[in-house]
Amino acid sequence: MKREDVKTKRSEGMHFETHVITNPANTNEWIVLFEKESGISYFLVNDNEEVESFGHLDDLIHELRYIGIKSAEVHL
């Protein structure tokens, strides 16, 4: 799901469980997984529909705040 889609859905009242997980393709990076109440999951993706990855948790947290996420669960 793209950033703008997340922001729009959040403003419409949709709730996501947000999980920060290690990128399986590069364990030095982090990715974001959104889960809806219906059990459907989405990764945070860029404009090219590629999964966004972050080398630093600080950058990822900044991004989550920017798109309106108030809490996230970090999986080590």
PDB file of N, CA and C in Angstrom:
ATOM      1  N   MET A   1       0.840  -1.154   0.000  1.00  0.00           N
ATOM      2  CA  MET A   1       0.000   0.000   0.000  1.00  0.00           C
ATOM      3  C   MET A   1       0.900   1.236   0.000  1.00  0.00           C
ATOM      4  N   LYS A   2       0.593   2.158  -0.847  1.00  0.00           N
ATOM      5  CA  LYS A   2       1.381   3.389  -0.954  1.00  0.00           C
ATOM      6  C   LYS A   2       1.084   4.324   0.213  1.00  0.00           C
ATOM      7  N   ARG A   3       2.022   5.226   0.489  1.00  0.00           N
ATOM      8  CA  ARG A   3       1.898   6.167   1.605  1.00  0.00           C
ATOM      9  C   ARG A   3       0.581   6.941   1.570  1.00  0.00           C
ATOM     10  N   GLU A   4       0.275   7.491   0.412  1.00  0.00           N
ATOM     11  CA  GLU A   4      -0.930   8.304   0.294  1.00  0.00           C
ATOM     12  C   GLU A   4      -2.181   7.471   0.527  1.00  0.00           C
ATOM     13  N   ASP A   5      -2.162   6.216   0.121  1.00  0.00           N
ATOM     14  CA  ASP A   5      -3.301   5.331   0.371  1.00  0.00           C
ATOM     15  C   ASP A   5      -3.475   5.081   1.866  1.00  0.00           C
ATOM     16  N   VAL A   6      -2.368   4.898   2.563  1.00  0.00           N
ATOM     17  CA  VAL A   6      -2.427   4.696   4.014  1.00  0.00           C
ATOM     18  C   VAL A   6      -3.002   5.943   4.676  1.00  0.00           C
ATOM     19  N   LYS A   7      -2.497   7.119   4.293  1.00  0.00           N
ATOM     20  CA  LYS A   7      -2.987   8.366   4.880  1.00  0.00           C
ATOM     21  C   LYS A   7      -4.477   8.547   4.626  1.00  0.00           C
ATOM     22  N   THR A   8      -4.914   8.262   3.412  1.00  0.00           N
ATOM     23  CA  THR A   8      -6.322   8.415   3.061  1.00  0.00           C
ATOM     24  C   THR A   8      -7.187   7.462   3.872  1.00  0.00           C
ATOM     25  N   LYS A   9      -6.803   6.215   3.909  1.00  0.00           N
ATOM     26  CA  LYS A   9      -7.596   5.218   4.639  1.00  0.00           C
ATOM     27  C   LYS A   9      -7.626   5.519   6.134  1.00  0.00           C
ATOM     28  N   ARG A  10      -6.525   5.997   6.686  1.00  0.00           N
ATOM     29  CA  ARG A  10      -6.505   6.381   8.102  1.00  0.00           C
ATOM     30  C   ARG A  10      -7.453   7.544   8.356  1.00  0.00           C
ATOM     31  N   SER A  11      -7.458   8.523   7.455  1.00  0.00           N
ATOM     32  CA  SER A  11      -8.346   9.673   7.636  1.00  0.00           C
ATOM     33  C   SER A  11      -9.819   9.277   7.496  1.00  0.00           C
ATOM     34  N   GLU A  12     -10.079   8.182   6.791  1.00  0.00           N
ATOM     35  CA  GLU A  12     -11.445   7.667   6.651  1.00  0.00           C
ATOM     36  C   GLU A  12     -11.847   6.791   7.831  1.00  0.00           C
ATOM     37  N   GLY A  13     -10.921   6.592   8.778  1.00  0.00           N
ATOM     38  CA  GLY A  13     -11.222   5.834   9.976  1.00  0.00           C
ATOM     39  C   GLY A  13     -10.824   4.373   9.941  1.00  0.00           C
ATOM     40  N   MET A  14     -10.152   3.934   8.891  1.00  0.00           N
ATOM     41  CA  MET A  14      -9.732   2.539   8.823  1.00  0.00           C
ATOM     42  C   MET A  14      -8.591   2.298   9.812  1.00  0.00           C
ATOM     43  N   HIS A  15      -8.666   1.188  10.505  1.00  0.00           N
ATOM     44  CA  HIS A  15      -7.643   0.837  11.496  1.00  0.00           C
ATOM     45  C   HIS A  15      -6.733  -0.251  10.936  1.00  0.00           C
ATOM     46  N   PHE A  16      -5.434  -0.080  11.143  1.00  0.00           N
ATOM     47  CA  PHE A  16      -4.436  -1.074  10.761  1.00  0.00           C
ATOM     48  C   PHE A  16      -3.663  -1.490  12.001  1.00  0.00           C
ATOM     49  N   GLU A  17      -3.310  -2.751  12.083  1.00  0.00           N
ATOM     50  CA  GLU A  17      -2.272  -3.175  13.011  1.00  0.00           C
ATOM     51  C   GLU A  17      -0.979  -3.048  12.227  1.00  0.00           C
ATOM     52  N   THR A  18      -0.043  -2.294  12.758  1.00  0.00           N
ATOM     53  CA  THR A  18       1.194  -2.009  12.045  1.00  0.00           C
ATOM     54  C   THR A  18       2.335  -2.792  12.669  1.00  0.00           C
ATOM     55  N   HIS A  19       3.054  -3.529  11.820  1.00  0.00           N
ATOM     56  CA  HIS A  19       4.181  -4.350  12.272  1.00  0.00           C
ATOM     57  C   HIS A  19       5.439  -3.926  11.519  1.00  0.00           C
ATOM     58  N   VAL A  20       6.514  -3.767  12.259  1.00  0.00           N
ATOM     59  CA  VAL A  20       7.829  -3.497  11.684  1.00  0.00           C
ATOM     60  C   VAL A  20       8.604  -4.804  11.780  1.00  0.00           C
ATOM     61  N   ILE A  21       9.048  -5.288  10.633  1.00  0.00           N
ATOM     62  CA  ILE A  21       9.738  -6.583  10.596  1.00  0.00           C
ATOM     63  C   ILE A  21      11.043  -6.467   9.819  1.00  0.00           C
ATOM     64  N   THR A  22      11.917  -7.428  10.046  1.00  0.00           N
ATOM     65  CA  THR A  22      13.172  -7.491   9.289  1.00  0.00           C
ATOM     66  C   THR A  22      12.869  -7.865   7.854  1.00  0.00           C
ATOM     67  N   ASN A  23      13.530  -7.203   6.932  1.00  0.00           N
ATOM     68  CA  ASN A  23      13.383  -7.506   5.518  1.00  0.00           C
ATOM     69  C   ASN A  23      14.012  -8.880   5.249  1.00  0.00           C
ATOM     70  N   PRO A  24      13.215  -9.853   4.796  1.00  0.00           N
ATOM     71  CA  PRO A  24      13.790 -11.181   4.556  1.00  0.00           C
ATOM     72  C   PRO A  24      14.861 -11.186   3.464  1.00  0.00           C
ATOM     73  N   ALA A  25      14.808 -10.232   2.553  1.00  0.00           N
ATOM     74  CA  ALA A  25      15.793 -10.161   1.473  1.00  0.00           C
ATOM     75  C   ALA A  25      17.101  -9.514   1.914  1.00  0.00           C
ATOM     76  N   ASN A  26      17.040  -8.723   3.000  1.00  0.00           N
ATOM     77  CA  ASN A  26      18.234  -8.068   3.523  1.00  0.00           C
ATOM     78  C   ASN A  26      17.999  -7.836   5.012  1.00  0.00           C
ATOM     79  N   THR A  27      18.561  -8.661   5.854  1.00  0.00           N
ATOM     80  CA  THR A  27      18.289  -8.606   7.288  1.00  0.00           C
ATOM     81  C   THR A  27      18.862  -7.371   7.979  1.00  0.00           C
ATOM     82  N   ASN A  28      19.533  -6.497   7.237  1.00  0.00           N
ATOM     83  CA  ASN A  28      20.008  -5.228   7.782  1.00  0.00           C
ATOM     84  C   ASN A  28      18.992  -4.118   7.550  1.00  0.00           C
ATOM     85  N   GLU A  29      17.853  -4.447   6.982  1.00  0.00           N
ATOM     86  CA  GLU A  29      16.817  -3.465   6.682  1.00  0.00           C
ATOM     87  C   GLU A  29      15.506  -3.856   7.344  1.00  0.00           C
ATOM     88  N   TRP A  30      14.609  -2.881   7.439  1.00  0.00           N
ATOM     89  CA  TRP A  30      13.294  -3.055   8.048  1.00  0.00           C
ATOM     90  C   TRP A  30      12.208  -2.733   7.028  1.00  0.00           C
ATOM     91  N   ILE A  31      11.083  -3.429   7.128  1.00  0.00           N
ATOM     92  CA  ILE A  31       9.930  -3.161   6.276  1.00  0.00           C
ATOM     93  C   ILE A  31       8.686  -3.067   7.159  1.00  0.00           C
ATOM     94  N   VAL A  32       7.601  -2.542   6.577  1.00  0.00           N
ATOM     95  CA  VAL A  32       6.364  -2.322   7.321  1.00  0.00           C
ATOM     96  C   VAL A  32       5.262  -3.199   6.745  1.00  0.00           C
ATOM     97  N   LEU A  33       4.540  -3.858   7.637  1.00  0.00           N
ATOM     98  CA  LEU A  33       3.412  -4.698   7.255  1.00  0.00           C
ATOM     99  C   LEU A  33       2.175  -4.161   7.968  1.00  0.00           C
ATOM    100  N   PHE A  34       1.133  -3.844   7.188  1.00  0.00           N
ATOM    101  CA  PHE A  34      -0.141  -3.393   7.733  1.00  0.00           C
ATOM    102  C   PHE A  34      -1.129  -4.544   7.664  1.00  0.00           C
ATOM    103  N   GLU A  35      -1.835  -4.794   8.761  1.00  0.00           N
ATOM    104  CA  GLU A  35      -2.870  -5.828   8.782  1.00  0.00           C
ATOM    105  C   GLU A  35      -4.204  -5.171   9.094  1.00  0.00           C
ATOM    106  N   LYS A  36      -5.196  -5.452   8.243  1.00  0.00           N
ATOM    107  CA  LYS A  36      -6.548  -4.973   8.501  1.00  0.00           C
ATOM    108  C   LYS A  36      -7.264  -5.977   9.397  1.00  0.00           C
ATOM    109  N   GLU A  37      -8.355  -5.530   9.988  1.00  0.00           N
ATOM    110  CA  GLU A  37      -9.122  -6.401  10.888  1.00  0.00           C
ATOM    111  C   GLU A  37      -9.633  -7.643  10.181  1.00  0.00           C
ATOM    112  N   SER A  38      -9.823  -7.561   8.874  1.00  0.00           N
ATOM    113  CA  SER A  38     -10.347  -8.702   8.109  1.00  0.00           C
ATOM    114  C   SER A  38      -9.288  -9.752   7.814  1.00  0.00           C
ATOM    115  N   GLY A  39      -8.039  -9.513   8.251  1.00  0.00           N
ATOM    116  CA  GLY A  39      -6.976 -10.481   8.035  1.00  0.00           C
ATOM    117  C   GLY A  39      -6.159 -10.238   6.784  1.00  0.00           C
ATOM    118  N   ILE A  40      -6.497  -9.193   6.035  1.00  0.00           N
ATOM    119  CA  ILE A  40      -5.747  -8.857   4.822  1.00  0.00           C
ATOM    120  C   ILE A  40      -4.510  -8.053   5.209  1.00  0.00           C
ATOM    121  N   SER A  41      -3.378  -8.350   4.573  1.00  0.00           N
ATOM    122  CA  SER A  41      -2.112  -7.680   4.883  1.00  0.00           C
ATOM    123  C   SER A  41      -1.579  -6.932   3.674  1.00  0.00           C
ATOM    124  N   TYR A  42      -0.880  -5.837   3.964  1.00  0.00           N
ATOM    125  CA  TYR A  42      -0.254  -5.022   2.926  1.00  0.00           C
ATOM    126  C   TYR A  42       1.124  -4.603   3.401  1.00  0.00           C
ATOM    127  N   PHE A  43       2.072  -4.532   2.480  1.00  0.00           N
ATOM    128  CA  PHE A  43       3.366  -3.929   2.767  1.00  0.00           C
ATOM    129  C   PHE A  43       3.321  -2.465   2.370  1.00  0.00           C
ATOM    130  N   LEU A  44       4.142  -1.651   3.009  1.00  0.00           N
ATOM    131  CA  LEU A  44       4.317  -0.274   2.573  1.00  0.00           C
ATOM    132  C   LEU A  44       5.161  -0.317   1.301  1.00  0.00           C
ATOM    133  N   VAL A  45       4.644   0.251   0.207  1.00  0.00           N
ATOM    134  CA  VAL A  45       5.347   0.220  -1.079  1.00  0.00           C
ATOM    135  C   VAL A  45       5.559   1.630  -1.600  1.00  0.00           C
ATOM    136  N   ASN A  46       6.515   1.767  -2.512  1.00  0.00           N
ATOM    137  CA  ASN A  46       6.779   3.060  -3.139  1.00  0.00           C
ATOM    138  C   ASN A  46       5.912   3.223  -4.387  1.00  0.00           C
ATOM    139  N   ASP A  47       6.142   4.283  -5.136  1.00  0.00           N
ATOM    140  CA  ASP A  47       5.336   4.561  -6.328  1.00  0.00           C
ATOM    141  C   ASP A  47       5.492   3.508  -7.415  1.00  0.00           C
ATOM    142  N   ASN A  48       6.570   2.738  -7.366  1.00  0.00           N
ATOM    143  CA  ASN A  48       6.794   1.662  -8.342  1.00  0.00           C
ATOM    144  C   ASN A  48       6.263   0.316  -7.852  1.00  0.00           C
ATOM    145  N   GLU A  49       5.486   0.352  -6.759  1.00  0.00           N
ATOM    146  CA  GLU A  49       4.909  -0.858  -6.164  1.00  0.00           C
ATOM    147  C   GLU A  49       5.972  -1.821  -5.618  1.00  0.00           C
ATOM    148  N   GLU A  50       7.135  -1.284  -5.260  1.00  0.00           N
ATOM    149  CA  GLU A  50       8.202  -2.075  -4.642  1.00  0.00           C
ATOM    150  C   GLU A  50       8.145  -1.869  -3.135  1.00  0.00           C
ATOM    151  N   VAL A  51       8.367  -2.920  -2.379  1.00  0.00           N
ATOM    152  CA  VAL A  51       8.324  -2.827  -0.919  1.00  0.00           C
ATOM    153  C   VAL A  51       9.384  -1.839  -0.443  1.00  0.00           C
ATOM    154  N   GLU A  52       8.951  -0.880   0.372  1.00  0.00           N
ATOM    155  CA  GLU A  52       9.869   0.105   0.950  1.00  0.00           C
ATOM    156  C   GLU A  52      10.688  -0.560   2.044  1.00  0.00           C
ATOM    157  N   SER A  53      11.968  -0.308   2.053  1.00  0.00           N
ATOM    158  CA  SER A  53      12.814  -0.815   3.128  1.00  0.00           C
ATOM    159  C   SER A  53      13.600   0.346   3.724  1.00  0.00           C
ATOM    160  N   PHE A  54      13.931   0.200   4.984  1.00  0.00           N
ATOM    161  CA  PHE A  54      14.609   1.254   5.730  1.00  0.00           C
ATOM    162  C   PHE A  54      15.820   0.666   6.423  1.00  0.00           C
ATOM    163  N   GLY A  55      16.951   1.336   6.299  1.00  0.00           N
ATOM    164  CA  GLY A  55      18.179   0.882   6.927  1.00  0.00           C
ATOM    165  C   GLY A  55      18.267   1.235   8.395  1.00  0.00           C
ATOM    166  N   HIS A  56      17.477   2.225   8.815  1.00  0.00           N
ATOM    167  CA  HIS A  56      17.508   2.692  10.205  1.00  0.00           C
ATOM    168  C   HIS A  56      16.094   2.792  10.747  1.00  0.00           C
ATOM    169  N   LEU A  57      15.892   2.286  11.945  1.00  0.00           N
ATOM    170  CA  LEU A  57      14.576   2.348  12.569  1.00  0.00           C
ATOM    171  C   LEU A  57      14.105   3.788  12.766  1.00  0.00           C
ATOM    172  N   ASP A  58      15.015   4.716  13.034  1.00  0.00           N
ATOM    173  CA  ASP A  58      14.631   6.115  13.206  1.00  0.00           C
ATOM    174  C   ASP A  58      13.941   6.645  11.955  1.00  0.00           C
ATOM    175  N   ASP A  59      14.478   6.320  10.784  1.00  0.00           N
ATOM    176  CA  ASP A  59      13.875   6.770   9.526  1.00  0.00           C
ATOM    177  C   ASP A  59      12.494   6.155   9.334  1.00  0.00           C
ATOM    178  N   LEU A  60      12.378   4.895   9.684  1.00  0.00           N
ATOM    179  CA  LEU A  60      11.103   4.207   9.549  1.00  0.00           C
ATOM    180  C   LEU A  60      10.059   4.814  10.483  1.00  0.00           C
ATOM    181  N   ILE A  61      10.427   5.090  11.730  1.00  0.00           N
ATOM    182  CA  ILE A  61       9.501   5.687  12.692  1.00  0.00           C
ATOM    183  C   ILE A  61       9.060   7.066  12.207  1.00  0.00           C
ATOM    184  N   HIS A  62       9.971   7.836  11.691  1.00  0.00           N
ATOM    185  CA  HIS A  62       9.629   9.154  11.139  1.00  0.00           C
ATOM    186  C   HIS A  62       8.592   9.003  10.019  1.00  0.00           C
ATOM    187  N   GLU A  63       8.785   8.040   9.158  1.00  0.00           N
ATOM    188  CA  GLU A  63       7.865   7.792   8.048  1.00  0.00           C
ATOM    189  C   GLU A  63       6.488   7.371   8.558  1.00  0.00           C
ATOM    190  N   LEU A  64       6.456   6.485   9.553  1.00  0.00           N
ATOM    191  CA  LEU A  64       5.171   6.061  10.105  1.00  0.00           C
ATOM    192  C   LEU A  64       4.412   7.229  10.719  1.00  0.00           C
ATOM    193  N   ARG A  65       5.106   8.094  11.420  1.00  0.00           N
ATOM    194  CA  ARG A  65       4.456   9.279  11.987  1.00  0.00           C
ATOM    195  C   ARG A  65       3.920  10.174  10.881  1.00  0.00           C
ATOM    196  N   TYR A  66       4.687  10.338   9.821  1.00  0.00           N
ATOM    197  CA  TYR A  66       4.276  11.183   8.699  1.00  0.00           C
ATOM    198  C   TYR A  66       2.967  10.694   8.075  1.00  0.00           C
ATOM    199  N   ILE A  67       2.793   9.380   7.978  1.00  0.00           N
ATOM    200  CA  ILE A  67       1.586   8.863   7.336  1.00  0.00           C
ATOM    201  C   ILE A  67       0.450   8.626   8.341  1.00  0.00           C
ATOM    202  N   GLY A  68       0.658   9.033   9.599  1.00  0.00           N
ATOM    203  CA  GLY A  68      -0.426   9.027  10.567  1.00  0.00           C
ATOM    204  C   GLY A  68      -0.542   7.801  11.441  1.00  0.00           C
ATOM    205  N   ILE A  69       0.462   6.956  11.450  1.00  0.00           N
ATOM    206  CA  ILE A  69       0.436   5.767  12.294  1.00  0.00           C
ATOM    207  C   ILE A  69       0.858   6.169  13.702  1.00  0.00           C
ATOM    208  N   LYS A  70       0.051   5.800  14.684  1.00  0.00           N
ATOM    209  CA  LYS A  70       0.302   6.186  16.071  1.00  0.00           C
ATOM    210  C   LYS A  70       1.045   5.122  16.867  1.00  0.00           C
ATOM    211  N   SER A  71       0.939   3.869  16.454  1.00  0.00           N
ATOM    212  CA  SER A  71       1.650   2.811  17.167  1.00  0.00           C
ATOM    213  C   SER A  71       2.007   1.696  16.212  1.00  0.00           C
ATOM    214  N   ALA A  72       3.074   0.985  16.546  1.00  0.00           N
ATOM    215  CA  ALA A  72       3.530  -0.131  15.731  1.00  0.00           C
ATOM    216  C   ALA A  72       4.213  -1.146  16.625  1.00  0.00           C
ATOM    217  N   GLU A  73       4.146  -2.384  16.210  1.00  0.00           N
ATOM    218  CA  GLU A  73       4.815  -3.460  16.928  1.00  0.00           C
ATOM    219  C   GLU A  73       6.079  -3.825  16.158  1.00  0.00           C
ATOM    220  N   VAL A  74       7.210  -3.832  16.869  1.00  0.00           N
ATOM    221  CA  VAL A  74       8.497  -4.149  16.245  1.00  0.00           C
ATOM    222  C   VAL A  74       8.825  -5.607  16.534  1.00  0.00           C
ATOM    223  N   HIS A  75       9.101  -6.366  15.456  1.00  0.00           N
ATOM    224  CA  HIS A  75       9.467  -7.773  15.585  1.00  0.00           C
ATOM    225  C   HIS A  75      10.966  -7.901  15.306  1.00  0.00           C
ATOM    226  N   LEU A  76      11.698  -8.358  16.288  1.00  0.00           N
ATOM    227  CA  LEU A  76      13.148  -8.508  16.142  1.00  0.00           C
ATOM    228  C   LEU A  76      13.445  -9.836  15.613  1.00  0.00           C
TER     229      LEU A  76
END
